[in-house]
Amino acid sequence: MKDGIHPKYIDTLVRCGCGNTFSTRSTVPEMKVDICNVCHPFFTGKLKFVDTAGRIEKFKSKFAEAGYASLKKPKKQPVAPAEAASS
């Protein structure tokens, strides 16, 4: 390895949104994560909706009054087939 071109690899403290902390090694001294193995649904077996900054409510409020746009469009009238010319 060349000297002076690689970042320093140091002990890192990782903090989760649920309050769990653990240490690992990385190039930054501290990391903050939203989900860890203590609160992730795969490991807990519980279904949990992760709502960052109210995105689910924002989506529901945005599209609640809109409904399905395709149902509000006027129906197209079927085109009558062209009459065959009699010979």
Protein backbone atom coordinates (compact mmCIF):
# COMPACT_ATOMS: atom_id res chain seq x y z
CA MET A 1 0.00 0.00 0.00
CA LYS A 2 1.16 3.49 -0.74
CA ASP A 3 1.52 5.81 2.22
CA GLY A 4 -0.81 8.77 2.61
CA ILE A 5 -3.51 7.84 0.05
CA HIS A 6 -5.81 5.67 2.16
CA PRO A 7 -8.34 7.01 4.71
CA LYS A 8 -7.85 6.15 8.37
CA TYR A 9 -9.78 3.09 9.52
CA ILE A 10 -10.99 3.77 13.08
CA ASP A 11 -13.42 2.42 15.68
CA THR A 12 -16.91 3.76 14.96
CA LEU A 13 -19.92 4.11 17.23
CA VAL A 14 -23.21 3.36 15.43
CA ARG A 15 -26.42 4.82 16.92
CA CYS A 16 -29.86 3.61 15.83
CA GLY A 17 -33.13 5.54 15.97
CA CYS A 18 -34.48 2.96 18.44
CA GLY A 19 -31.71 3.80 20.93
CA ASN A 20 -29.47 0.80 20.28
CA THR A 21 -25.73 1.45 19.94
CA PHE A 22 -22.89 -0.79 18.83
CA SER A 23 -19.34 -0.35 17.66
CA THR A 24 -17.68 -1.36 14.43
CA ARG A 25 -14.86 -0.03 12.29
CA SER A 26 -15.17 2.55 9.54
CA THR A 27 -13.61 5.72 8.19
CA VAL A 28 -15.97 8.00 10.18
CA PRO A 29 -16.05 8.30 13.98
CA GLU A 30 -19.86 8.08 14.39
CA MET A 31 -22.81 6.89 12.28
CA LYS A 32 -26.55 7.35 12.78
CA VAL A 33 -28.91 4.79 11.25
CA ASP A 34 -32.71 4.52 11.16
CA ILE A 35 -32.99 0.74 11.48
CA CYS A 36 -30.71 -1.85 13.10
CA ASN A 37 -30.94 -5.57 13.87
CA VAL A 38 -32.80 -4.85 17.14
CA CYS A 39 -35.72 -3.00 15.52
CA HIS A 40 -35.75 -4.38 11.94
CA PRO A 41 -38.95 -6.37 11.15
CA PHE A 42 -36.96 -9.29 9.71
CA PHE A 43 -35.22 -9.89 13.04
CA THR A 44 -38.10 -8.94 15.36
CA GLY A 45 -40.83 -10.82 13.50
CA LYS A 46 -43.18 -7.84 13.88
CA LEU A 47 -44.53 -5.81 11.01
CA LYS A 48 -43.58 -2.19 11.42
CA PHE A 49 -44.14 0.68 9.01
CA VAL A 50 -41.11 2.93 8.90
CA ASP A 51 -42.41 6.43 8.34
CA THR A 52 -39.64 8.96 7.90
CA ALA A 53 -40.83 12.57 8.10
CA GLY A 54 -44.52 11.67 7.70
CA ARG A 55 -44.21 10.41 4.13
CA ILE A 56 -47.06 7.93 4.44
CA GLU A 57 -49.50 10.58 5.71
CA LYS A 58 -48.26 13.01 3.06
CA PHE A 59 -48.93 10.44 0.33
CA LYS A 60 -52.39 9.59 1.69
CA SER A 61 -53.41 13.24 1.98
CA LYS A 62 -52.13 14.00 -1.50
CA PHE A 63 -54.04 11.21 -3.21
CA ALA A 64 -57.05 10.83 -0.90
CA GLU A 65 -59.29 13.25 -2.76
CA ALA A 66 -57.92 12.32 -6.19
CA GLY A 67 -58.99 8.69 -6.20
CA TYR A 68 -58.44 6.77 -9.38
CA ALA A 69 -58.03 9.17 -12.27
CA SER A 70 -58.99 6.51 -14.80
CA LEU A 71 -62.46 6.17 -13.22
CA LYS A 72 -63.15 9.90 -13.56
CA LYS A 73 -62.32 10.06 -17.27
CA PRO A 74 -65.32 10.02 -19.60
CA LYS A 75 -65.78 6.74 -21.39
CA LYS A 76 -64.91 6.62 -25.07
CA GLN A 77 -67.76 5.79 -27.39
CA PRO A 78 -67.11 2.64 -29.42
CA VAL A 79 -66.53 3.30 -33.09
CA ALA A 80 -69.05 1.57 -35.32
CA PRO A 81 -67.43 -0.80 -37.82
CA ALA A 82 -67.38 0.49 -41.33
CA GLU A 83 -70.12 -0.99 -43.44
CA ALA A 84 -68.83 -3.38 -46.04
CA ALA A 85 -69.41 -2.26 -49.58
CA SER A 86 -71.81 -4.58 -51.33
CA SER A 87 -70.70 -5.77 -54.76
